[in-house]
Amino acid sequence: GVNGTAEAAEAVARAWRDRHPDGRTETLMSQRLYRLGELTTPGPPVPGRARVAGPDDRELVARWRADFGAVAGLPERP
């Protein structure tokens, strides 16, 4: 995949297609950067703590990825 401005991503796609005439490219997701004008401190902290994900978290993370993809309108992945 390619991340960058639309113009830069299209230039990379064009160069790739020049080298791979039978290949194809497509835009899967457009992204945008936002600037936070003012930070509002959240309310009381929730219970729990941050931790590094491990092998036992694989199914949970896969479900989060699938749910995000569905909301964001991304194509399904195996």
PDB file of N, CA and C in Angstrom:
ATOM      1  N   GLY A   1       0.814  -1.178   0.000  1.00  0.00           N
ATOM      2  CA  GLY A   1       0.000   0.000   0.000  1.00  0.00           C
ATOM      3  C   GLY A   1       0.860   1.245   0.000  1.00  0.00           C
ATOM      4  N   VAL A   2       0.227   2.346  -0.297  1.00  0.00           N
ATOM      5  CA  VAL A   2       0.903   3.640  -0.362  1.00  0.00           C
ATOM      6  C   VAL A   2       0.145   4.622   0.507  1.00  0.00           C
ATOM      7  N   ASN A   3       0.860   5.355   1.317  1.00  0.00           N
ATOM      8  CA  ASN A   3       0.284   6.453   2.087  1.00  0.00           C
ATOM      9  C   ASN A   3       0.946   7.736   1.627  1.00  0.00           C
ATOM     10  N   GLY A   4       0.178   8.774   1.451  1.00  0.00           N
ATOM     11  CA  GLY A   4       0.723  10.062   1.039  1.00  0.00           C
ATOM     12  C   GLY A   4      -0.377  10.927   0.474  1.00  0.00           C
ATOM     13  N   THR A   5       0.019  12.064  -0.085  1.00  0.00           N
ATOM     14  CA  THR A   5      -0.970  12.918  -0.728  1.00  0.00           C
ATOM     15  C   THR A   5      -1.545  12.177  -1.925  1.00  0.00           C
ATOM     16  N   ALA A   6      -2.709  12.599  -2.370  1.00  0.00           N
ATOM     17  CA  ALA A   6      -3.329  11.947  -3.530  1.00  0.00           C
ATOM     18  C   ALA A   6      -2.405  12.016  -4.738  1.00  0.00           C
ATOM     19  N   GLU A   7      -1.748  13.157  -4.918  1.00  0.00           N
ATOM     20  CA  GLU A   7      -0.854  13.323  -6.065  1.00  0.00           C
ATOM     21  C   GLU A   7       0.343  12.378  -5.978  1.00  0.00           C
ATOM     22  N   ALA A   8       0.938  12.269  -4.793  1.00  0.00           N
ATOM     23  CA  ALA A   8       2.102  11.388  -4.624  1.00  0.00           C
ATOM     24  C   ALA A   8       1.700   9.925  -4.786  1.00  0.00           C
ATOM     25  N   ALA A   9       0.569   9.543  -4.199  1.00  0.00           N
ATOM     26  CA  ALA A   9       0.115   8.153  -4.311  1.00  0.00           C
ATOM     27  C   ALA A   9      -0.189   7.802  -5.767  1.00  0.00           C
ATOM     28  N   GLU A  10      -0.787   8.731  -6.499  1.00  0.00           N
ATOM     29  CA  GLU A  10      -1.082   8.472  -7.912  1.00  0.00           C
ATOM     30  C   GLU A  10       0.204   8.344  -8.712  1.00  0.00           C
ATOM     31  N   ALA A  11       1.219   9.134  -8.384  1.00  0.00           N
ATOM     32  CA  ALA A  11       2.508   9.030  -9.084  1.00  0.00           C
ATOM     33  C   ALA A  11       3.137   7.660  -8.842  1.00  0.00           C
ATOM     34  N   VAL A  12       3.075   7.171  -7.614  1.00  0.00           N
ATOM     35  CA  VAL A  12       3.609   5.841  -7.303  1.00  0.00           C
ATOM     36  C   VAL A  12       2.808   4.779  -8.058  1.00  0.00           C
ATOM     37  N   ALA A  13       1.488   4.904  -8.053  1.00  0.00           N
ATOM     38  CA  ALA A  13       0.638   3.931  -8.752  1.00  0.00           C
ATOM     39  C   ALA A  13       0.936   3.931 -10.249  1.00  0.00           C
ATOM     40  N   ARG A  14       1.107   5.112 -10.821  1.00  0.00           N
ATOM     41  CA  ARG A  14       1.411   5.209 -12.252  1.00  0.00           C
ATOM     42  C   ARG A  14       2.735   4.524 -12.568  1.00  0.00           C
ATOM     43  N   ALA A  15       3.755   4.790 -11.737  1.00  0.00           N
ATOM     44  CA  ALA A  15       5.070   4.165 -11.948  1.00  0.00           C
ATOM     45  C   ALA A  15       4.976   2.649 -11.805  1.00  0.00           C
ATOM     46  N   TRP A  16       4.198   2.175 -10.840  1.00  0.00           N
ATOM     47  CA  TRP A  16       4.043   0.731 -10.639  1.00  0.00           C
ATOM     48  C   TRP A  16       3.350   0.100 -11.847  1.00  0.00           C
ATOM     49  N   ARG A  17       2.280   0.763 -12.336  1.00  0.00           N
ATOM     50  CA  ARG A  17       1.562   0.228 -13.505  1.00  0.00           C
ATOM     51  C   ARG A  17       2.457   0.208 -14.744  1.00  0.00           C
ATOM     52  N   ASP A  18       3.358   1.195 -14.867  1.00  0.00           N
ATOM     53  CA  ASP A  18       4.299   1.199 -15.998  1.00  0.00           C
ATOM     54  C   ASP A  18       5.181  -0.043 -15.982  1.00  0.00           C
ATOM     55  N   ARG A  19       5.542  -0.502 -14.785  1.00  0.00           N
ATOM     56  CA  ARG A  19       6.420  -1.667 -14.650  1.00  0.00           C
ATOM     57  C   ARG A  19       5.644  -2.983 -14.619  1.00  0.00           C
ATOM     58  N   HIS A  20       4.358  -2.908 -14.347  1.00  0.00           N
ATOM     59  CA  HIS A  20       3.505  -4.104 -14.238  1.00  0.00           C
ATOM     60  C   HIS A  20       2.240  -3.881 -15.074  1.00  0.00           C
ATOM     61  N   PRO A  21       2.360  -3.966 -16.398  1.00  0.00           N
ATOM     62  CA  PRO A  21       1.226  -3.636 -17.273  1.00  0.00           C
ATOM     63  C   PRO A  21      -0.029  -4.475 -17.032  1.00  0.00           C
ATOM     64  N   ASP A  22       0.125  -5.681 -16.513  1.00  0.00           N
ATOM     65  CA  ASP A  22      -1.044  -6.526 -16.256  1.00  0.00           C
ATOM     66  C   ASP A  22      -1.629  -6.295 -14.867  1.00  0.00           C
ATOM     67  N   GLY A  23      -0.958  -5.487 -14.063  1.00  0.00           N
ATOM     68  CA  GLY A  23      -1.418  -5.225 -12.700  1.00  0.00           C
ATOM     69  C   GLY A  23      -2.470  -4.126 -12.675  1.00  0.00           C
ATOM     70  N   ARG A  24      -3.038  -3.922 -11.506  1.00  0.00           N
ATOM     71  CA  ARG A  24      -4.012  -2.845 -11.360  1.00  0.00           C
ATOM     72  C   ARG A  24      -3.819  -2.183 -10.002  1.00  0.00           C
ATOM     73  N   THR A  25      -4.246  -0.974  -9.898  1.00  0.00           N
ATOM     74  CA  THR A  25      -4.188  -0.252  -8.632  1.00  0.00           C
ATOM     75  C   THR A  25      -5.576   0.299  -8.340  1.00  0.00           C
ATOM     76  N   GLU A  26      -5.837   0.537  -7.065  1.00  0.00           N
ATOM     77  CA  GLU A  26      -7.109   1.130  -6.675  1.00  0.00           C
ATOM     78  C   GLU A  26      -6.937   1.863  -5.360  1.00  0.00           C
ATOM     79  N   THR A  27      -7.744   2.869  -5.163  1.00  0.00           N
ATOM     80  CA  THR A  27      -7.757   3.597  -3.902  1.00  0.00           C
ATOM     81  C   THR A  27      -8.707   2.869  -2.960  1.00  0.00           C
ATOM     82  N   LEU A  28      -8.171   2.426  -1.824  1.00  0.00           N
ATOM     83  CA  LEU A  28      -9.007   1.722  -0.846  1.00  0.00           C
ATOM     84  C   LEU A  28      -9.542   2.664   0.219  1.00  0.00           C
ATOM     85  N   MET A  29      -8.761   3.692   0.552  1.00  0.00           N
ATOM     86  CA  MET A  29      -9.179   4.579   1.624  1.00  0.00           C
ATOM     87  C   MET A  29      -8.495   5.927   1.445  1.00  0.00           C
ATOM     88  N   SER A  30      -9.262   6.981   1.551  1.00  0.00           N
ATOM     89  CA  SER A  30      -8.700   8.327   1.582  1.00  0.00           C
ATOM     90  C   SER A  30      -8.636   8.760   3.036  1.00  0.00           C
ATOM     91  N   GLN A  31      -7.566   9.445   3.388  1.00  0.00           N
ATOM     92  CA  GLN A  31      -7.406   9.883   4.771  1.00  0.00           C
ATOM     93  C   GLN A  31      -7.201  11.388   4.812  1.00  0.00           C
ATOM     94  N   ARG A  32      -7.355  11.947   5.986  1.00  0.00           N
ATOM     95  CA  ARG A  32      -7.203  13.377   6.167  1.00  0.00           C
ATOM     96  C   ARG A  32      -6.573  13.616   7.533  1.00  0.00           C
ATOM     97  N   LEU A  33      -5.801  14.674   7.641  1.00  0.00           N
ATOM     98  CA  LEU A  33      -5.221  15.072   8.920  1.00  0.00           C
ATOM     99  C   LEU A  33      -6.064  16.187   9.518  1.00  0.00           C
ATOM    100  N   TYR A  34      -6.244  16.134  10.809  1.00  0.00           N
ATOM    101  CA  TYR A  34      -6.988  17.165  11.520  1.00  0.00           C
ATOM    102  C   TYR A  34      -6.079  17.783  12.570  1.00  0.00           C
ATOM    103  N   ARG A  35      -6.340  19.014  12.912  1.00  0.00           N
ATOM    104  CA  ARG A  35      -5.593  19.687  13.969  1.00  0.00           C
ATOM    105  C   ARG A  35      -6.539  19.908  15.145  1.00  0.00           C
ATOM    106  N   LEU A  36      -6.077  19.540  16.328  1.00  0.00           N
ATOM    107  CA  LEU A  36      -6.861  19.730  17.541  1.00  0.00           C
ATOM    108  C   LEU A  36      -6.710  21.174  17.994  1.00  0.00           C
ATOM    109  N   GLY A  37      -7.817  21.901  18.046  1.00  0.00           N
ATOM    110  CA  GLY A  37      -7.775  23.301  18.456  1.00  0.00           C
ATOM    111  C   GLY A  37      -7.634  23.460  19.959  1.00  0.00           C
ATOM    112  N   GLU A  38      -8.331  22.635  20.709  1.00  0.00           N
ATOM    113  CA  GLU A  38      -8.290  22.743  22.165  1.00  0.00           C
ATOM    114  C   GLU A  38      -8.500  21.363  22.771  1.00  0.00           C
ATOM    115  N   LEU A  39      -7.702  21.042  23.769  1.00  0.00           N
ATOM    116  CA  LEU A  39      -7.811  19.754  24.441  1.00  0.00           C
ATOM    117  C   LEU A  39      -8.698  19.893  25.665  1.00  0.00           C
ATOM    118  N   THR A  40      -9.709  19.057  25.742  1.00  0.00           N
ATOM    119  CA  THR A  40     -10.569  19.014  26.917  1.00  0.00           C
ATOM    120  C   THR A  40     -10.177  17.785  27.725  1.00  0.00           C
ATOM    121  N   THR A  41      -9.792  18.001  28.961  1.00  0.00           N
ATOM    122  CA  THR A  41      -9.389  16.892  29.821  1.00  0.00           C
ATOM    123  C   THR A  41     -10.590  15.983  30.061  1.00  0.00           C
ATOM    124  N   PRO A  42     -10.413  14.677  29.855  1.00  0.00           N
ATOM    125  CA  PRO A  42     -11.540  13.761  30.066  1.00  0.00           C
ATOM    126  C   PRO A  42     -11.902  13.653  31.540  1.00  0.00           C
ATOM    127  N   GLY A  43     -13.049  13.045  31.778  1.00  0.00           N
ATOM    128  CA  GLY A  43     -13.527  12.854  33.141  1.00  0.00           C
ATOM    129  C   GLY A  43     -12.664  11.862  33.903  1.00  0.00           C
ATOM    130  N   PRO A  44     -13.216  11.277  34.953  1.00  0.00           N
ATOM    131  CA  PRO A  44     -12.427  10.343  35.760  1.00  0.00           C
ATOM    132  C   PRO A  44     -11.937   9.163  34.921  1.00  0.00           C
ATOM    133  N   PRO A  45     -10.766   8.650  35.256  1.00  0.00           N
ATOM    134  CA  PRO A  45     -10.221   7.532  34.477  1.00  0.00           C
ATOM    135  C   PRO A  45     -11.077   6.277  34.629  1.00  0.00           C
ATOM    136  N   VAL A  46     -11.041   5.464  33.592  1.00  0.00           N
ATOM    137  CA  VAL A  46     -11.754   4.190  33.632  1.00  0.00           C
ATOM    138  C   VAL A  46     -10.869   3.161  34.325  1.00  0.00           C
ATOM    139  N   PRO A  47     -11.462   2.094  34.857  1.00  0.00           N
ATOM    140  CA  PRO A  47     -10.638   1.075  35.496  1.00  0.00           C
ATOM    141  C   PRO A  47      -9.777   0.344  34.462  1.00  0.00           C
ATOM    142  N   GLY A  48      -8.699  -0.206  34.912  1.00  0.00           N
ATOM    143  CA  GLY A  48      -7.821  -0.976  34.034  1.00  0.00           C
ATOM    144  C   GLY A  48      -6.500  -0.266  33.814  1.00  0.00           C
ATOM    145  N   ARG A  49      -5.719  -0.816  32.901  1.00  0.00           N
ATOM    146  CA  ARG A  49      -4.409  -0.238  32.607  1.00  0.00           C
ATOM    147  C   ARG A  49      -4.023  -0.581  31.179  1.00  0.00           C
ATOM    148  N   ALA A  50      -3.110   0.194  30.633  1.00  0.00           N
ATOM    149  CA  ALA A  50      -2.588  -0.094  29.299  1.00  0.00           C
ATOM    150  C   ALA A  50      -1.617  -1.266  29.394  1.00  0.00           C
ATOM    151  N   ARG A  51      -1.572  -2.075  28.344  1.00  0.00           N
ATOM    152  CA  ARG A  51      -0.630  -3.183  28.302  1.00  0.00           C
ATOM    153  C   ARG A  51      -0.336  -3.533  26.852  1.00  0.00           C
ATOM    154  N   VAL A  52       0.743  -4.221  26.638  1.00  0.00           N
ATOM    155  CA  VAL A  52       1.107  -4.679  25.305  1.00  0.00           C
ATOM    156  C   VAL A  52       0.245  -5.887  24.955  1.00  0.00           C
ATOM    157  N   ALA A  53      -0.289  -5.891  23.735  1.00  0.00           N
ATOM    158  CA  ALA A  53      -1.093  -7.031  23.289  1.00  0.00           C
ATOM    159  C   ALA A  53      -0.205  -8.254  23.116  1.00  0.00           C
ATOM    160  N   GLY A  54      -0.770  -9.415  23.365  1.00  0.00           N
ATOM    161  CA  GLY A  54      -0.039 -10.671  23.211  1.00  0.00           C
ATOM    162  C   GLY A  54      -0.812 -11.641  22.331  1.00  0.00           C
ATOM    163  N   PRO A  55      -0.301 -12.843  22.170  1.00  0.00           N
ATOM    164  CA  PRO A  55      -0.954 -13.844  21.314  1.00  0.00           C
ATOM    165  C   PRO A  55      -2.411 -14.119  21.701  1.00  0.00           C
ATOM    166  N   ASP A  56      -2.724 -14.044  22.976  1.00  0.00           N
ATOM    167  CA  ASP A  56      -4.099 -14.304  23.411  1.00  0.00           C
ATOM    168  C   ASP A  56      -5.074 -13.220  22.955  1.00  0.00           C
ATOM    169  N   ASP A  57      -4.555 -12.081  22.496  1.00  0.00           N
ATOM    170  CA  ASP A  57      -5.396 -10.965  22.053  1.00  0.00           C
ATOM    171  C   ASP A  57      -5.688 -10.996  20.553  1.00  0.00           C
ATOM    172  N   ARG A  58      -5.172 -11.987  19.865  1.00  0.00           N
ATOM    173  CA  ARG A  58      -5.277 -12.028  18.396  1.00  0.00           C
ATOM    174  C   ARG A  58      -6.726 -11.923  17.903  1.00  0.00           C
ATOM    175  N   GLU A  59      -7.617 -12.733  18.440  1.00  0.00           N
ATOM    176  CA  GLU A  59      -9.012 -12.712  17.979  1.00  0.00           C
ATOM    177  C   GLU A  59      -9.677 -11.372  18.276  1.00  0.00           C
ATOM    178  N   LEU A  60      -9.392 -10.793  19.433  1.00  0.00           N
ATOM    179  CA  LEU A  60      -9.967  -9.501  19.797  1.00  0.00           C
ATOM    180  C   LEU A  60      -9.488  -8.414  18.836  1.00  0.00           C
ATOM    181  N   VAL A  61      -8.194  -8.378  18.566  1.00  0.00           N
ATOM    182  CA  VAL A  61      -7.640  -7.367  17.661  1.00  0.00           C
ATOM    183  C   VAL A  61      -8.174  -7.569  16.242  1.00  0.00           C
ATOM    184  N   ALA A  62      -8.305  -8.814  15.810  1.00  0.00           N
ATOM    185  CA  ALA A  62      -8.858  -9.092  14.480  1.00  0.00           C
ATOM    186  C   ALA A  62     -10.301  -8.596  14.386  1.00  0.00           C
ATOM    187  N   ARG A  63     -11.067  -8.784  15.446  1.00  0.00           N
ATOM    188  CA  ARG A  63     -12.453  -8.308  15.455  1.00  0.00           C
ATOM    189  C   ARG A  63     -12.496  -6.780  15.426  1.00  0.00           C
ATOM    190  N   TRP A  64     -11.601  -6.136  16.217  1.00  0.00           N
ATOM    191  CA  TRP A  64     -11.538  -4.671  16.190  1.00  0.00           C
ATOM    192  C   TRP A  64     -11.216  -4.180  14.784  1.00  0.00           C
ATOM    193  N   ARG A  65     -10.263  -4.840  14.116  1.00  0.00           N
ATOM    194  CA  ARG A  65      -9.861  -4.438  12.758  1.00  0.00           C
ATOM    195  C   ARG A  65     -11.037  -4.605  11.798  1.00  0.00           C
ATOM    196  N   ALA A  66     -11.747  -5.715  11.898  1.00  0.00           N
ATOM    197  CA  ALA A  66     -12.898  -5.958  11.025  1.00  0.00           C
ATOM    198  C   ALA A  66     -14.007  -4.940  11.291  1.00  0.00           C
ATOM    199  N   ASP A  67     -14.268  -4.652  12.564  1.00  0.00           N
ATOM    200  CA  ASP A  67     -15.303  -3.672  12.909  1.00  0.00           C
ATOM    201  C   ASP A  67     -14.930  -2.285  12.388  1.00  0.00           C
ATOM    202  N   PHE A  68     -13.659  -1.898  12.547  1.00  0.00           N
ATOM    203  CA  PHE A  68     -13.204  -0.607  12.029  1.00  0.00           C
ATOM    204  C   PHE A  68     -13.378  -0.557  10.514  1.00  0.00           C
ATOM    205  N   GLY A  69     -12.971  -1.630   9.839  1.00  0.00           N
ATOM    206  CA  GLY A  69     -13.092  -1.680   8.387  1.00  0.00           C
ATOM    207  C   GLY A  69     -14.530  -1.529   7.927  1.00  0.00           C
ATOM    208  N   ALA A  70     -15.454  -2.161   8.653  1.00  0.00           N
ATOM    209  CA  ALA A  70     -16.870  -2.065   8.292  1.00  0.00           C
ATOM    210  C   ALA A  70     -17.374  -0.632   8.452  1.00  0.00           C
ATOM    211  N   VAL A  71     -17.013   0.011   9.551  1.00  0.00           N
ATOM    212  CA  VAL A  71     -17.451   1.389   9.790  1.00  0.00           C
ATOM    213  C   VAL A  71     -16.803   2.347   8.793  1.00  0.00           C
ATOM    214  N   ALA A  72     -15.529   2.104   8.468  1.00  0.00           N
ATOM    215  CA  ALA A  72     -14.792   2.984   7.557  1.00  0.00           C
ATOM    216  C   ALA A  72     -15.087   2.691   6.091  1.00  0.00           C
ATOM    217  N   GLY A  73     -15.845   1.626   5.813  1.00  0.00           N
ATOM    218  CA  GLY A  73     -16.180   1.295   4.434  1.00  0.00           C
ATOM    219  C   GLY A  73     -15.048   0.642   3.664  1.00  0.00           C
ATOM    220  N   LEU A  74     -14.141  -0.038   4.368  1.00  0.00           N
ATOM    221  CA  LEU A  74     -13.033  -0.717   3.703  1.00  0.00           C
ATOM    222  C   LEU A  74     -13.486  -2.074   3.180  1.00  0.00           C
ATOM    223  N   PRO A  75     -12.866  -2.561   2.108  1.00  0.00           N
ATOM    224  CA  PRO A  75     -13.225  -3.898   1.624  1.00  0.00           C
ATOM    225  C   PRO A  75     -12.828  -4.956   2.646  1.00  0.00           C
ATOM    226  N   GLU A  76     -13.584  -6.044   2.688  1.00  0.00           N
ATOM    227  CA  GLU A  76     -13.276  -7.125   3.628  1.00  0.00           C
ATOM    228  C   GLU A  76     -11.977  -7.801   3.242  1.00  0.00           C
ATOM    229  N   ARG A  77     -11.232  -8.217   4.257  1.00  0.00           N
ATOM    230  CA  ARG A  77      -9.982  -8.944   4.038  1.00  0.00           C
ATOM    231  C   ARG A  77     -10.093 -10.298   4.704  1.00  0.00           C
ATOM    232  N   PRO A  78      -9.440 -11.301   4.102  1.00  0.00           N
ATOM    233  CA  PRO A  78      -9.476 -12.639   4.726  1.00  0.00           C
ATOM    234  C   PRO A  78      -8.715 -12.661   6.036  1.00  0.00           C
TER     235      PRO A  78
END
